[in-house]
Amino acid sequence: MKLSKLISSGLKFMQSKDYRFLILASLGLYNNWPDDKYLKRKFHALIGNNLDLDNPQTFNEKLQWLKLHNRRYDYTQLVDKYAVRKYIIDTIGEDYLIPLLGVWDDPDHINFDDLPNQFVLKCNHNSGLGMCICRDKSKLEIDSVKRNLKKGLEQNYYLTGREWPYKDISRKVIAEKYISDQEGIETLTDYKFFCFNGAVDCVMLCLDRDTSDTKYYFFDEDWNLKRYNLRGKAAPEGFTLPKPKGMDKMFEIARILSREIPYVRVDLYNCDGNIFFGELTLFPQSGFDPNYLSETDNYFGQLIKLEDIK
């Protein structure tokens, strides 16, 4: 880190209570705090408002409420990237799963010679730490990959945002087949469906994920642009993107997978019309996402019916 940046960070640490909390929280100083106290403090630090757990209204607020009060035992399976595969097989069928290449408790047990030239390695219990996207095995630094995976396995992902379903996952490393949108195209578009008890409001397209300029656009089922975020709001009149082949089927899959769940984001991939399941996300950005327009935060909040939760 450059000296000027180090000095700037130090001054910010001394002057900003919110920044200081986030740094100290990342170091584990608040791991013993009760969930509600921790969530209120982190919400203020990241969103800038006080978290109202007695009468939550916004999307971000209600996600925090759901963490504390909607603790269904099956959620642990749904967020486990390995265990969820059985749920997908039972619900929509094995054809929608990315082929599994292996599963291990310890990265040292991985035999890289048995893996193809391209593959993806990831932990089943977190959100990216330790992941390896291998496009050319001959260039892979295996020792570094193992070290990163071990760091990922050591992460207690529950503590970062108090997303309790991650607390009791049996941690593993899984290898999946490498997939891409088209042959020769390395970037993969994510299709993230915002689902409220089986009703799918929209899909968020995540473009250029491997660049510093990731783009997020929301579309409804009729493929109308929804101006839910700053990028969407700034898009010119008439802006659109090509509707992928099989999108209607993807909306139907999202409806099936989200039934009887107050809110879940269903993540899918579309490889030239071939649909693959990605993951189920109960708390996107852990409910600390400042990137929605305020009217979007309120609108999504209205779609979560807390009174229906027993």
C-alpha atoms as a PDB file:
ATOM      1  CA  MET A   1       0.000   0.000   0.000  1.00  0.00           C
ATOM      2  CA  LYS A   2       1.324   3.436  -0.933  1.00  0.00           C
ATOM      3  CA  LEU A   3       2.222   5.718   1.956  1.00  0.00           C
ATOM      4  CA  SER A   4      -0.341   8.341   0.925  1.00  0.00           C
ATOM      5  CA  LYS A   5      -3.101   5.737   0.859  1.00  0.00           C
ATOM      6  CA  LEU A   6      -1.961   4.348   4.205  1.00  0.00           C
ATOM      7  CA  ILE A   7      -2.082   7.811   5.774  1.00  0.00           C
ATOM      8  CA  SER A   8      -5.515   8.467   4.259  1.00  0.00           C
ATOM      9  CA  SER A   9      -6.844   5.172   5.620  1.00  0.00           C
ATOM     10  CA  GLY A  10      -5.397   5.922   9.049  1.00  0.00           C
ATOM     11  CA  LEU A  11      -7.049   9.339   9.177  1.00  0.00           C
ATOM     12  CA  LYS A  12     -10.351   7.835   8.071  1.00  0.00           C
ATOM     13  CA  PHE A  13     -10.032   5.163  10.759  1.00  0.00           C
ATOM     14  CA  MET A  14      -9.612   7.850  13.447  1.00  0.00           C
ATOM     15  CA  GLN A  15     -12.318  10.188  12.140  1.00  0.00           C
ATOM     16  CA  SER A  16     -15.097   7.834  11.010  1.00  0.00           C
ATOM     17  CA  LYS A  17     -16.878   5.631  13.549  1.00  0.00           C
ATOM     18  CA  ASP A  18     -18.514   3.625  10.771  1.00  0.00           C
ATOM     19  CA  TYR A  19     -15.251   2.959   8.941  1.00  0.00           C
ATOM     20  CA  ARG A  20     -13.563   2.064  12.211  1.00  0.00           C
ATOM     21  CA  PHE A  21     -16.332  -0.404  13.029  1.00  0.00           C
ATOM     22  CA  LEU A  22     -16.054  -2.092   9.623  1.00  0.00           C
ATOM     23  CA  ILE A  23     -12.290  -2.496   9.925  1.00  0.00           C
ATOM     24  CA  LEU A  24     -12.482  -3.853  13.468  1.00  0.00           C
ATOM     25  CA  ALA A  25     -15.389  -6.128  12.516  1.00  0.00           C
ATOM     26  CA  SER A  26     -13.314  -7.594   9.683  1.00  0.00           C
ATOM     27  CA  LEU A  27     -10.667  -8.427  12.290  1.00  0.00           C
ATOM     28  CA  GLY A  28     -13.200 -10.297  14.410  1.00  0.00           C
ATOM     29  CA  LEU A  29     -13.497  -7.850  17.312  1.00  0.00           C
ATOM     30  CA  TYR A  30     -17.308  -8.071  17.329  1.00  0.00           C
ATOM     31  CA  ASN A  31     -17.714 -11.799  16.719  1.00  0.00           C
ATOM     32  CA  ASN A  32     -19.313 -12.268  20.141  1.00  0.00           C
ATOM     33  CA  TRP A  33     -21.942  -9.570  19.673  1.00  0.00           C
ATOM     34  CA  PRO A  34     -25.573 -10.761  19.500  1.00  0.00           C
ATOM     35  CA  ASP A  35     -26.850 -10.942  15.936  1.00  0.00           C
ATOM     36  CA  ASP A  36     -29.370  -8.108  16.269  1.00  0.00           C
ATOM     37  CA  LYS A  37     -26.857  -5.704  17.810  1.00  0.00           C
ATOM     38  CA  TYR A  38     -24.240  -6.520  15.175  1.00  0.00           C
ATOM     39  CA  LEU A  39     -26.697  -6.157  12.289  1.00  0.00           C
ATOM     40  CA  LYS A  40     -27.941  -2.775  13.520  1.00  0.00           C
ATOM     41  CA  ARG A  41     -24.400  -1.436  13.800  1.00  0.00           C
ATOM     42  CA  LYS A  42     -23.265  -2.780  10.430  1.00  0.00           C
ATOM     43  CA  PHE A  43     -26.440  -1.564   8.729  1.00  0.00           C
ATOM     44  CA  HIS A  44     -25.754   1.977   9.876  1.00  0.00           C
ATOM     45  CA  ALA A  45     -22.118   1.720   8.794  1.00  0.00           C
ATOM     46  CA  LEU A  46     -22.941   0.527   5.272  1.00  0.00           C
ATOM     47  CA  ILE A  47     -26.378   1.987   4.516  1.00  0.00           C
ATOM     48  CA  GLY A  48     -26.199   5.145   6.606  1.00  0.00           C
ATOM     49  CA  ASN A  49     -29.588   4.684   8.277  1.00  0.00           C
ATOM     50  CA  ASN A  50     -30.709   3.147  11.534  1.00  0.00           C
ATOM     51  CA  LEU A  51     -32.048  -0.387  11.120  1.00  0.00           C
ATOM     52  CA  ASP A  52     -35.696  -0.651  12.194  1.00  0.00           C
ATOM     53  CA  LEU A  53     -36.283  -4.275  13.141  1.00  0.00           C
ATOM     54  CA  ASP A  54     -39.633  -3.523  14.809  1.00  0.00           C
ATOM     55  CA  ASN A  55     -41.232  -2.144  11.657  1.00  0.00           C
ATOM     56  CA  PRO A  56     -38.939  -2.877   8.697  1.00  0.00           C
ATOM     57  CA  GLN A  57     -40.041  -1.399   5.391  1.00  0.00           C
ATOM     58  CA  THR A  58     -37.233  -1.497   2.854  1.00  0.00           C
ATOM     59  CA  PHE A  59     -35.768  -4.507   1.086  1.00  0.00           C
ATOM     60  CA  ASN A  60     -32.463  -4.214   2.935  1.00  0.00           C
ATOM     61  CA  GLU A  61     -34.261  -3.892   6.281  1.00  0.00           C
ATOM     62  CA  LYS A  62     -36.504  -6.875   5.695  1.00  0.00           C
ATOM     63  CA  LEU A  63     -33.569  -9.067   4.725  1.00  0.00           C
ATOM     64  CA  GLN A  64     -32.064  -8.317   8.132  1.00  0.00           C
ATOM     65  CA  TRP A  65     -35.389  -9.199   9.791  1.00  0.00           C
ATOM     66  CA  LEU A  66     -35.509 -12.484   7.876  1.00  0.00           C
ATOM     67  CA  LYS A  67     -32.030 -13.386   9.130  1.00  0.00           C
ATOM     68  CA  LEU A  68     -33.308 -13.176  12.676  1.00  0.00           C
ATOM     69  CA  HIS A  69     -36.835 -14.562  12.366  1.00  0.00           C
ATOM     70  CA  ASN A  70     -37.152 -16.849   9.326  1.00  0.00           C
ATOM     71  CA  ARG A  71     -34.839 -19.681  10.380  1.00  0.00           C
ATOM     72  CA  ARG A  72     -36.073 -22.702   8.461  1.00  0.00           C
ATOM     73  CA  TYR A  73     -33.852 -25.750   8.836  1.00  0.00           C
ATOM     74  CA  ASP A  74     -33.869 -26.440   5.070  1.00  0.00           C
ATOM     75  CA  TYR A  75     -32.206 -23.104   4.286  1.00  0.00           C
ATOM     76  CA  THR A  76     -28.828 -24.577   5.218  1.00  0.00           C
ATOM     77  CA  GLN A  77     -29.145 -27.086   2.386  1.00  0.00           C
ATOM     78  CA  LEU A  78     -30.321 -24.415  -0.043  1.00  0.00           C
ATOM     79  CA  VAL A  79     -27.241 -22.213   0.437  1.00  0.00           C
ATOM     80  CA  ASP A  80     -24.759 -25.121   0.550  1.00  0.00           C
ATOM     81  CA  LYS A  81     -23.308 -25.225  -2.974  1.00  0.00           C
ATOM     82  CA  TYR A  82     -22.789 -28.991  -2.699  1.00  0.00           C
ATOM     83  CA  ALA A  83     -25.874 -30.125  -0.766  1.00  0.00           C
ATOM     84  CA  VAL A  84     -28.212 -27.972  -2.884  1.00  0.00           C
ATOM     85  CA  ARG A  85     -27.498 -30.232  -5.857  1.00  0.00           C
ATOM     86  CA  LYS A  86     -29.846 -32.890  -4.438  1.00  0.00           C
ATOM     87  CA  TYR A  87     -32.572 -30.265  -4.024  1.00  0.00           C
ATOM     88  CA  ILE A  88     -32.143 -29.253  -7.667  1.00  0.00           C
ATOM     89  CA  ILE A  89     -32.285 -32.878  -8.844  1.00  0.00           C
ATOM     90  CA  ASP A  90     -35.460 -33.465  -6.827  1.00  0.00           C
ATOM     91  CA  THR A  91     -37.106 -30.191  -7.890  1.00  0.00           C
ATOM     92  CA  ILE A  92     -36.241 -29.507 -11.554  1.00  0.00           C
ATOM     93  CA  GLY A  93     -33.923 -32.337 -12.591  1.00  0.00           C
ATOM     94  CA  GLU A  94     -30.237 -33.179 -12.908  1.00  0.00           C
ATOM     95  CA  ASP A  95     -29.963 -31.754 -16.442  1.00  0.00           C
ATOM     96  CA  TYR A  96     -29.825 -28.238 -14.984  1.00  0.00           C
ATOM     97  CA  LEU A  97     -26.766 -28.933 -12.827  1.00  0.00           C
ATOM     98  CA  ILE A  98     -23.261 -27.979 -13.889  1.00  0.00           C
ATOM     99  CA  PRO A  99     -21.411 -31.330 -14.017  1.00  0.00           C
ATOM    100  CA  LEU A 100     -19.547 -32.099 -10.798  1.00  0.00           C
ATOM    101  CA  LEU A 101     -15.883 -33.110 -11.203  1.00  0.00           C
ATOM    102  CA  GLY A 102     -15.027 -33.808  -7.578  1.00  0.00           C
ATOM    103  CA  VAL A 103     -15.536 -32.945  -3.925  1.00  0.00           C
ATOM    104  CA  TRP A 104     -12.944 -32.892  -1.137  1.00  0.00           C
ATOM    105  CA  ASP A 105     -12.668 -31.979   2.541  1.00  0.00           C
ATOM    106  CA  ASP A 106      -9.037 -30.858   2.132  1.00  0.00           C
ATOM    107  CA  PRO A 107      -7.416 -29.064  -0.857  1.00  0.00           C
ATOM    108  CA  ASP A 108      -4.338 -31.242  -0.383  1.00  0.00           C
ATOM    109  CA  HIS A 109      -6.444 -34.225  -1.461  1.00  0.00           C
ATOM    110  CA  ILE A 110      -7.170 -32.754  -4.900  1.00  0.00           C
ATOM    111  CA  ASN A 111      -5.419 -34.615  -7.713  1.00  0.00           C
ATOM    112  CA  PHE A 112      -5.046 -31.898 -10.312  1.00  0.00           C
ATOM    113  CA  ASP A 113      -3.850 -34.439 -12.886  1.00  0.00           C
ATOM    114  CA  ASP A 114      -7.367 -35.913 -12.860  1.00  0.00           C
ATOM    115  CA  LEU A 115      -9.008 -32.563 -13.637  1.00  0.00           C
ATOM    116  CA  PRO A 116      -9.537 -31.350 -17.228  1.00  0.00           C
ATOM    117  CA  ASN A 117      -7.739 -28.362 -18.697  1.00  0.00           C
ATOM    118  CA  GLN A 118     -10.562 -26.031 -17.640  1.00  0.00           C
ATOM    119  CA  PHE A 119     -12.575 -26.214 -14.424  1.00  0.00           C
ATOM    120  CA  VAL A 120     -13.849 -24.218 -11.434  1.00  0.00           C
ATOM    121  CA  LEU A 121     -12.882 -24.873  -7.806  1.00  0.00           C
ATOM    122  CA  LYS A 122     -14.819 -23.263  -4.958  1.00  0.00           C
ATOM    123  CA  CYS A 123     -15.829 -23.665  -1.348  1.00  0.00           C
ATOM    124  CA  ASN A 124     -19.388 -24.757  -0.725  1.00  0.00           C
ATOM    125  CA  HIS A 125     -20.043 -22.508   2.279  1.00  0.00           C
ATOM    126  CA  ASN A 126     -19.045 -18.962   1.352  1.00  0.00           C
ATOM    127  CA  SER A 127     -19.248 -16.361  -1.395  1.00  0.00           C
ATOM    128  CA  GLY A 128     -16.100 -16.478  -3.456  1.00  0.00           C
ATOM    129  CA  LEU A 129     -13.140 -16.539  -1.074  1.00  0.00           C
ATOM    130  CA  GLY A 130     -10.747 -19.193  -2.366  1.00  0.00           C
ATOM    131  CA  MET A 131     -12.453 -19.669  -5.740  1.00  0.00           C
ATOM    132  CA  CYS A 132     -10.308 -20.673  -8.700  1.00  0.00           C
ATOM    133  CA  ILE A 133     -11.555 -20.300 -12.279  1.00  0.00           C
ATOM    134  CA  CYS A 134      -9.054 -22.264 -14.337  1.00  0.00           C
ATOM    135  CA  ARG A 135      -9.067 -21.663 -18.094  1.00  0.00           C
ATOM    136  CA  ASP A 136      -5.651 -23.237 -18.776  1.00  0.00           C
ATOM    137  CA  LYS A 137      -4.291 -25.809 -16.333  1.00  0.00           C
ATOM    138  CA  SER A 138      -0.762 -25.505 -17.732  1.00  0.00           C
ATOM    139  CA  LYS A 139      -0.588 -21.983 -16.287  1.00  0.00           C
ATOM    140  CA  LEU A 140      -2.061 -22.892 -12.908  1.00  0.00           C
ATOM    141  CA  GLU A 141      -0.016 -22.251  -9.762  1.00  0.00           C
ATOM    142  CA  ILE A 142      -1.285 -25.244  -7.811  1.00  0.00           C
ATOM    143  CA  ASP A 143       0.340 -24.373  -4.472  1.00  0.00           C
ATOM    144  CA  SER A 144      -1.241 -20.914  -4.592  1.00  0.00           C
ATOM    145  CA  VAL A 145      -4.636 -22.402  -5.469  1.00  0.00           C
ATOM    146  CA  LYS A 146      -4.420 -24.754  -2.481  1.00  0.00           C
ATOM    147  CA  ARG A 147      -3.452 -21.921  -0.127  1.00  0.00           C
ATOM    148  CA  ASN A 148      -6.391 -19.817  -1.290  1.00  0.00           C
ATOM    149  CA  LEU A 149      -8.809 -22.707  -0.921  1.00  0.00           C
ATOM    150  CA  LYS A 150      -7.574 -23.348   2.615  1.00  0.00           C
ATOM    151  CA  LYS A 151      -8.203 -19.694   3.449  1.00  0.00           C
ATOM    152  CA  GLY A 152     -11.679 -20.077   2.027  1.00  0.00           C
ATOM    153  CA  LEU A 153     -12.396 -23.170   4.106  1.00  0.00           C
ATOM    154  CA  GLU A 154     -11.220 -21.374   7.239  1.00  0.00           C
ATOM    155  CA  GLN A 155     -13.646 -18.491   6.709  1.00  0.00           C
ATOM    156  CA  ASN A 156     -16.630 -18.415   9.047  1.00  0.00           C
ATOM    157  CA  TYR A 157     -18.949 -16.845   6.515  1.00  0.00           C
ATOM    158  CA  TYR A 158     -21.805 -16.646   9.009  1.00  0.00           C
ATOM    159  CA  LEU A 159     -19.932 -14.057  11.060  1.00  0.00           C
ATOM    160  CA  THR A 160     -19.502 -11.577   8.183  1.00  0.00           C
ATOM    161  CA  GLY A 161     -23.220 -10.782   7.886  1.00  0.00           C
ATOM    162  CA  ARG A 162     -24.857 -13.076  10.434  1.00  0.00           C
ATOM    163  CA  GLU A 163     -26.448 -15.145   7.665  1.00  0.00           C
ATOM    164  CA  TRP A 164     -27.252 -18.033   9.967  1.00  0.00           C
ATOM    165  CA  PRO A 165     -27.877 -20.733   7.267  1.00  0.00           C
ATOM    166  CA  TYR A 166     -24.131 -20.782   6.613  1.00  0.00           C
ATOM    167  CA  LYS A 167     -23.281 -21.460  10.234  1.00  0.00           C
ATOM    168  CA  ASP A 168     -23.551 -25.252  10.222  1.00  0.00           C
ATOM    169  CA  ILE A 169     -22.526 -26.169   6.680  1.00  0.00           C
ATOM    170  CA  SER A 170     -20.003 -29.007   6.505  1.00  0.00           C
ATOM    171  CA  ARG A 171     -17.218 -27.256   4.599  1.00  0.00           C
ATOM    172  CA  LYS A 172     -15.934 -28.778   1.378  1.00  0.00           C
ATOM    173  CA  VAL A 173     -14.180 -27.891  -1.865  1.00  0.00           C
ATOM    174  CA  ILE A 174     -16.055 -28.765  -5.043  1.00  0.00           C
ATOM    175  CA  ALA A 175     -14.898 -28.835  -8.656  1.00  0.00           C
ATOM    176  CA  GLU A 176     -17.336 -28.124 -11.465  1.00  0.00           C
ATOM    177  CA  LYS A 177     -17.054 -28.189 -15.218  1.00  0.00           C
ATOM    178  CA  TYR A 178     -16.001 -24.856 -16.735  1.00  0.00           C
ATOM    179  CA  ILE A 179     -18.844 -23.346 -18.734  1.00  0.00           C
ATOM    180  CA  SER A 180     -19.045 -20.244 -20.926  1.00  0.00           C
ATOM    181  CA  ASP A 181     -21.749 -18.344 -22.799  1.00  0.00           C
ATOM    182  CA  GLN A 182     -20.288 -19.205 -26.191  1.00  0.00           C
ATOM    183  CA  GLU A 183     -17.270 -21.097 -27.460  1.00  0.00           C
ATOM    184  CA  GLY A 184     -14.242 -18.823 -27.276  1.00  0.00           C
ATOM    185  CA  ILE A 185     -15.976 -16.291 -25.017  1.00  0.00           C
ATOM    186  CA  GLU A 186     -14.438 -16.276 -21.547  1.00  0.00           C
ATOM    187  CA  THR A 187     -16.879 -14.049 -19.690  1.00  0.00           C
ATOM    188  CA  LEU A 188     -20.071 -15.625 -18.368  1.00  0.00           C
ATOM    189  CA  THR A 189     -23.252 -13.609 -17.902  1.00  0.00           C
ATOM    190  CA  ASP A 190     -25.049 -14.144 -14.613  1.00  0.00           C
ATOM    191  CA  TYR A 191     -28.846 -14.094 -14.608  1.00  0.00           C
ATOM    192  CA  LYS A 192     -30.119 -13.330 -11.107  1.00  0.00           C
ATOM    193  CA  PHE A 193     -33.875 -13.627 -10.621  1.00  0.00           C
ATOM    194  CA  PHE A 194     -35.515 -11.652  -7.797  1.00  0.00           C
ATOM    195  CA  CYS A 195     -38.213 -13.944  -6.431  1.00  0.00           C
ATOM    196  CA  PHE A 196     -40.857 -13.317  -3.797  1.00  0.00           C
ATOM    197  CA  ASN A 197     -42.691 -16.449  -2.650  1.00  0.00           C
ATOM    198  CA  GLY A 198     -42.765 -17.917  -6.140  1.00  0.00           C
ATOM    199  CA  ALA A 199     -43.458 -14.634  -7.948  1.00  0.00           C
ATOM    200  CA  VAL A 200     -40.533 -13.446 -10.089  1.00  0.00           C
ATOM    201  CA  ASP A 201     -40.402  -9.667 -10.365  1.00  0.00           C
ATOM    202  CA  CYS A 202     -37.331  -9.325 -12.574  1.00  0.00           C
ATOM    203  CA  VAL A 203     -33.969 -10.682 -13.630  1.00  0.00           C
ATOM    204  CA  MET A 204     -30.718  -8.818 -13.105  1.00  0.00           C
ATOM    205  CA  LEU A 205     -28.146  -9.339 -15.851  1.00  0.00           C
ATOM    206  CA  CYS A 206     -24.542  -9.142 -14.642  1.00  0.00           C
ATOM    207  CA  LEU A 207     -22.254  -8.416 -17.574  1.00  0.00           C
ATOM    208  CA  ASP A 208     -18.443  -8.283 -17.788  1.00  0.00           C
ATOM    209  CA  ARG A 209     -17.994  -9.916 -14.384  1.00  0.00           C
ATOM    210  CA  ASP A 210     -14.258 -10.451 -14.932  1.00  0.00           C
ATOM    211  CA  THR A 211     -13.574  -6.773 -15.590  1.00  0.00           C
ATOM    212  CA  SER A 212     -13.415  -3.601 -13.520  1.00  0.00           C
ATOM    213  CA  ASP A 213     -16.587  -2.391 -15.254  1.00  0.00           C
ATOM    214  CA  THR A 214     -19.247  -4.927 -14.305  1.00  0.00           C
ATOM    215  CA  LYS A 215     -22.655  -3.815 -15.553  1.00  0.00           C
ATOM    216  CA  TYR A 216     -26.017  -4.570 -13.927  1.00  0.00           C
ATOM    217  CA  TYR A 217     -29.314  -4.226 -15.782  1.00  0.00           C
ATOM    218  CA  PHE A 218     -32.787  -5.316 -14.641  1.00  0.00           C
ATOM    219  CA  PHE A 219     -35.498  -6.652 -16.983  1.00  0.00           C
ATOM    220  CA  ASP A 220     -39.007  -7.924 -16.329  1.00  0.00           C
ATOM    221  CA  GLU A 221     -40.461 -11.062 -17.902  1.00  0.00           C
ATOM    222  CA  ASP A 222     -41.702  -9.097 -20.921  1.00  0.00           C
ATOM    223  CA  TRP A 223     -38.124  -7.890 -21.387  1.00  0.00           C
ATOM    224  CA  ASN A 224     -38.736  -4.287 -20.436  1.00  0.00           C
ATOM    225  CA  LEU A 225     -35.816  -2.485 -18.831  1.00  0.00           C
ATOM    226  CA  LYS A 226     -36.539  -1.756 -15.150  1.00  0.00           C
ATOM    227  CA  ARG A 227     -34.745   1.328 -13.898  1.00  0.00           C
ATOM    228  CA  TYR A 228     -34.041  -0.096 -10.469  1.00  0.00           C
ATOM    229  CA  ASN A 229     -30.439   1.065 -10.067  1.00  0.00           C
ATOM    230  CA  LEU A 230     -28.247   3.972 -11.114  1.00  0.00           C
ATOM    231  CA  ARG A 231     -27.019   2.286 -14.308  1.00  0.00           C
ATOM    232  CA  GLY A 232     -30.566   1.446 -15.317  1.00  0.00           C
ATOM    233  CA  LYS A 233     -31.761   4.943 -14.463  1.00  0.00           C
ATOM    234  CA  ALA A 234     -29.037   6.457 -16.634  1.00  0.00           C
ATOM    235  CA  ALA A 235     -29.704   4.195 -19.630  1.00  0.00           C
ATOM    236  CA  PRO A 236     -31.014   6.087 -22.676  1.00  0.00           C
ATOM    237  CA  GLU A 237     -34.640   5.890 -23.730  1.00  0.00           C
ATOM    238  CA  GLY A 238     -35.297   2.656 -25.580  1.00  0.00           C
ATOM    239  CA  PHE A 239     -32.214   0.897 -24.198  1.00  0.00           C
ATOM    240  CA  THR A 240     -32.344  -2.878 -24.242  1.00  0.00           C
ATOM    241  CA  LEU A 241     -30.197  -5.975 -24.503  1.00  0.00           C
ATOM    242  CA  PRO A 242     -30.795  -9.090 -26.622  1.00  0.00           C
ATOM    243  CA  LYS A 243     -33.223 -11.458 -24.910  1.00  0.00           C
ATOM    244  CA  PRO A 244     -31.414 -14.783 -24.524  1.00  0.00           C
ATOM    245  CA  LYS A 245     -32.853 -17.944 -25.990  1.00  0.00           C
ATOM    246  CA  GLY A 246     -34.688 -19.841 -23.269  1.00  0.00           C
ATOM    247  CA  MET A 247     -35.351 -16.829 -21.041  1.00  0.00           C
ATOM    248  CA  ASP A 248     -39.032 -17.728 -20.609  1.00  0.00           C
ATOM    249  CA  LYS A 249     -37.955 -21.143 -19.343  1.00  0.00           C
ATOM    250  CA  MET A 250     -35.525 -19.491 -16.933  1.00  0.00           C
ATOM    251  CA  PHE A 251     -38.320 -17.400 -15.427  1.00  0.00           C
ATOM    252  CA  GLU A 252     -40.357 -20.589 -14.969  1.00  0.00           C
ATOM    253  CA  ILE A 253     -37.443 -22.349 -13.251  1.00  0.00           C
ATOM    254  CA  ALA A 254     -37.036 -19.362 -10.931  1.00  0.00           C
ATOM    255  CA  ARG A 255     -40.722 -19.561 -10.007  1.00  0.00           C
ATOM    256  CA  ILE A 256     -40.450 -23.253  -9.169  1.00  0.00           C
ATOM    257  CA  LEU A 257     -37.296 -22.897  -7.066  1.00  0.00           C
ATOM    258  CA  SER A 258     -38.609 -19.924  -5.090  1.00  0.00           C
ATOM    259  CA  ARG A 259     -41.974 -21.284  -3.985  1.00  0.00           C
ATOM    260  CA  GLU A 260     -42.800 -20.775  -0.302  1.00  0.00           C
ATOM    261  CA  ILE A 261     -39.682 -18.674   0.315  1.00  0.00           C
ATOM    262  CA  PRO A 262     -40.391 -15.032   1.258  1.00  0.00           C
ATOM    263  CA  TYR A 263     -37.433 -13.879  -0.807  1.00  0.00           C
ATOM    264  CA  VAL A 264     -34.703 -15.716  -2.669  1.00  0.00           C
ATOM    265  CA  ARG A 265     -32.497 -14.790  -5.581  1.00  0.00           C
ATOM    266  CA  VAL A 266     -32.261 -17.637  -8.073  1.00  0.00           C
ATOM    267  CA  ASP A 267     -28.996 -17.482 -10.016  1.00  0.00           C
ATOM    268  CA  LEU A 268     -28.898 -19.201 -13.404  1.00  0.00           C
ATOM    269  CA  TYR A 269     -26.611 -19.377 -16.423  1.00  0.00           C
ATOM    270  CA  ASN A 270     -27.564 -19.584 -20.078  1.00  0.00           C
ATOM    271  CA  CYS A 271     -24.972 -21.109 -22.381  1.00  0.00           C
ATOM    272  CA  ASP A 272     -26.376 -20.590 -25.865  1.00  0.00           C
ATOM    273  CA  GLY A 273     -29.803 -21.779 -24.736  1.00  0.00           C
ATOM    274  CA  ASN A 274     -28.566 -24.444 -22.321  1.00  0.00           C
ATOM    275  CA  ILE A 275     -29.718 -23.457 -18.824  1.00  0.00           C
ATOM    276  CA  PHE A 276     -27.649 -24.242 -15.741  1.00  0.00           C
ATOM    277  CA  PHE A 277     -28.345 -23.651 -12.065  1.00  0.00           C
ATOM    278  CA  GLY A 278     -25.887 -21.388 -10.251  1.00  0.00           C
ATOM    279  CA  GLU A 279     -26.996 -20.957  -6.644  1.00  0.00           C
ATOM    280  CA  LEU A 280     -29.763 -19.770  -4.343  1.00  0.00           C
ATOM    281  CA  THR A 281     -29.088 -16.550  -2.462  1.00  0.00           C
ATOM    282  CA  LEU A 282     -31.319 -15.699   0.472  1.00  0.00           C
ATOM    283  CA  PHE A 283     -29.577 -12.445   1.425  1.00  0.00           C
ATOM    284  CA  PRO A 284     -27.937 -10.736  -1.594  1.00  0.00           C
ATOM    285  CA  GLN A 285     -25.096  -8.459  -0.494  1.00  0.00           C
ATOM    286  CA  SER A 286     -26.151  -9.695   2.964  1.00  0.00           C
ATOM    287  CA  GLY A 287     -28.890  -7.051   2.933  1.00  0.00           C
ATOM    288  CA  PHE A 288     -26.377  -4.201   2.950  1.00  0.00           C
ATOM    289  CA  ASP A 289     -26.724  -3.060  -0.656  1.00  0.00           C
ATOM    290  CA  PRO A 290     -26.727   0.735  -1.204  1.00  0.00           C
ATOM    291  CA  ASN A 291     -26.855   0.417  -5.006  1.00  0.00           C
ATOM    292  CA  TYR A 292     -30.636   0.257  -5.395  1.00  0.00           C
ATOM    293  CA  LEU A 293     -32.528   3.455  -5.976  1.00  0.00           C
ATOM    294  CA  SER A 294     -34.422   4.391  -2.815  1.00  0.00           C
ATOM    295  CA  GLU A 295     -37.735   3.739  -4.562  1.00  0.00           C
ATOM    296  CA  THR A 296     -36.464   0.274  -5.555  1.00  0.00           C
ATOM    297  CA  ASP A 297     -35.427  -0.504  -1.989  1.00  0.00           C
ATOM    298  CA  ASN A 298     -38.946   0.396  -0.866  1.00  0.00           C
ATOM    299  CA  TYR A 299     -40.653  -1.429  -3.746  1.00  0.00           C
ATOM    300  CA  PHE A 300     -38.803  -4.706  -3.167  1.00  0.00           C
ATOM    301  CA  GLY A 301     -39.492  -4.299   0.532  1.00  0.00           C
ATOM    302  CA  GLN A 302     -43.232  -4.159  -0.151  1.00  0.00           C
ATOM    303  CA  LEU A 303     -43.014  -7.474  -2.011  1.00  0.00           C
ATOM    304  CA  ILE A 304     -41.743  -9.307   1.078  1.00  0.00           C
ATOM    305  CA  LYS A 305     -44.788 -10.159   3.194  1.00  0.00           C
ATOM    306  CA  LEU A 306     -43.497 -10.616   6.735  1.00  0.00           C
ATOM    307  CA  GLU A 307     -47.004 -11.098   8.111  1.00  0.00           C
ATOM    308  CA  ASP A 308     -47.207 -14.422   6.221  1.00  0.00           C
ATOM    309  CA  ILE A 309     -44.150 -15.834   8.018  1.00  0.00           C
ATOM    310  CA  LYS A 310     -44.891 -18.112  10.946  1.00  0.00           C
END
